[in-house]
Amino acid sequence: MSGFNLQEMMQQAKQQAEILQKKMEQTVVETSSGGGSVTVKMDGRKQVLSIKIDPEAVKAGDVEMLQDLVIAAINEAGRKVDETMKSSLGGMLGGLGGIL
């Protein structure tokens, strides 16, 4: 099996994992729901960094609606992270020579 160097492949995989980890930490998405009533920032590890709620949404007194808006914004942020990471990973995984 000439040309197959497992140690070199493992080193490349480790480097790719480190790059991915940094990218996940640096990626930040922001989404909103309810016409901007609730805004969520999330990083590439899907950790919620902040939630902003428009005071007008609280004045309405509809707690269930506000809860739904928070859930919708968080879920959309998660989808946006997935899309962002998938597009970033496409280029990285191409370098692994079709192993995955």
Protein backbone atom coordinates (compact mmCIF):
# COMPACT_ATOMS: atom_id res chain seq x y z
CA MET A 1 0.00 0.00 0.00
CA SER A 2 2.39 2.65 -1.19
CA GLY A 3 1.31 6.24 -0.61
CA PHE A 4 -0.85 5.38 2.41
CA ASN A 5 0.53 6.98 5.53
CA LEU A 6 -1.84 6.54 8.47
CA GLN A 7 0.18 8.77 10.76
CA GLU A 8 0.10 11.61 8.23
CA MET A 9 -3.66 11.16 7.75
CA MET A 10 -4.21 11.26 11.52
CA GLN A 11 -2.18 14.47 11.76
CA GLN A 12 -4.26 16.03 8.98
CA ALA A 13 -7.47 14.96 10.70
CA LYS A 14 -6.27 16.48 13.97
CA GLN A 15 -5.45 19.76 12.24
CA GLN A 16 -8.85 19.79 10.54
CA ALA A 17 -10.57 19.18 13.90
CA GLU A 18 -8.68 22.08 15.47
CA ILE A 19 -9.63 24.36 12.59
CA LEU A 20 -13.25 23.27 12.91
CA GLN A 21 -13.27 23.92 16.66
CA LYS A 22 -11.93 27.46 16.14
CA LYS A 23 -14.46 28.09 13.39
CA MET A 24 -17.29 26.91 15.62
CA GLU A 25 -16.13 29.26 18.39
CA GLN A 26 -15.83 32.21 16.00
CA THR A 27 -19.08 31.67 14.12
CA VAL A 28 -21.93 33.80 15.46
CA VAL A 29 -25.41 33.95 13.96
CA GLU A 30 -28.26 36.27 14.86
CA THR A 31 -31.92 35.61 14.20
CA SER A 32 -35.19 37.15 15.28
CA SER A 33 -38.86 36.28 15.47
CA GLY A 34 -42.06 38.23 15.85
CA GLY A 35 -40.87 41.00 13.55
CA GLY A 36 -37.84 41.59 15.74
CA SER A 37 -39.61 41.22 19.08
CA VAL A 38 -37.12 38.51 20.11
CA THR A 39 -33.52 38.39 18.87
CA VAL A 40 -31.11 35.53 19.58
CA LYS A 41 -27.35 35.32 19.06
CA MET A 42 -25.82 31.84 18.94
CA ASP A 43 -22.31 30.56 18.28
CA GLY A 44 -21.26 27.65 16.09
CA ARG A 45 -21.35 25.29 19.07
CA LYS A 46 -25.05 26.16 19.44
CA GLN A 47 -24.48 28.00 22.69
CA VAL A 48 -26.93 30.89 23.10
CA LEU A 49 -24.87 34.04 23.58
CA SER A 50 -27.70 36.50 24.09
CA ILE A 51 -31.45 36.94 23.92
CA LYS A 52 -33.00 40.38 23.50
CA ILE A 53 -36.70 40.92 24.05
CA ASP A 54 -38.41 44.10 22.91
CA PRO A 55 -40.09 45.67 25.94
CA GLU A 56 -43.27 46.08 23.88
CA ALA A 57 -43.54 42.30 23.62
CA VAL A 58 -43.58 42.09 27.41
CA LYS A 59 -46.17 44.84 27.77
CA ALA A 60 -48.63 42.80 25.74
CA GLY A 61 -48.83 40.39 28.68
CA ASP A 62 -49.17 37.34 26.44
CA VAL A 63 -46.58 35.07 28.08
CA GLU A 64 -47.36 32.08 25.85
CA MET A 65 -46.79 34.14 22.71
CA LEU A 66 -43.51 35.46 24.08
CA GLN A 67 -42.38 31.92 24.94
CA ASP A 68 -43.24 30.81 21.40
CA LEU A 69 -41.25 33.71 19.94
CA VAL A 70 -38.21 32.81 22.05
CA ILE A 71 -38.43 29.17 20.97
CA ALA A 72 -38.84 30.15 17.31
CA ALA A 73 -35.81 32.47 17.41
CA ILE A 74 -33.62 29.85 19.11
CA ASN A 75 -34.67 27.12 16.67
CA GLU A 76 -34.02 29.39 13.69
CA ALA A 77 -30.58 30.27 15.08
CA GLY A 78 -29.81 26.54 15.36
CA ARG A 79 -30.82 26.00 11.73
CA LYS A 80 -28.71 28.95 10.66
CA VAL A 81 -25.69 27.55 12.53
CA ASP A 82 -26.21 24.20 10.80
CA GLU A 83 -26.31 25.86 7.38
CA THR A 84 -23.25 27.98 8.11
CA MET A 85 -21.21 25.07 9.42
CA LYS A 86 -22.31 22.77 6.59
CA SER A 87 -21.13 25.26 3.98
CA SER A 88 -17.85 25.72 5.85
CA LEU A 89 -17.32 21.99 6.24
CA GLY A 90 -17.86 21.31 2.56
CA GLY A 91 -14.47 22.76 1.68
CA MET A 92 -12.69 21.17 4.62
CA LEU A 93 -14.00 17.68 4.06
CA GLY A 94 -13.04 17.80 0.41
CA GLY A 95 -9.43 17.78 1.54
CA LEU A 96 -9.78 14.39 3.23
CA GLY A 97 -9.85 12.65 -0.12
CA GLY A 98 -13.31 11.12 0.12
CA ILE A 99 -12.55 9.08 3.24
CA LEU A 100 -15.76 10.17 4.94
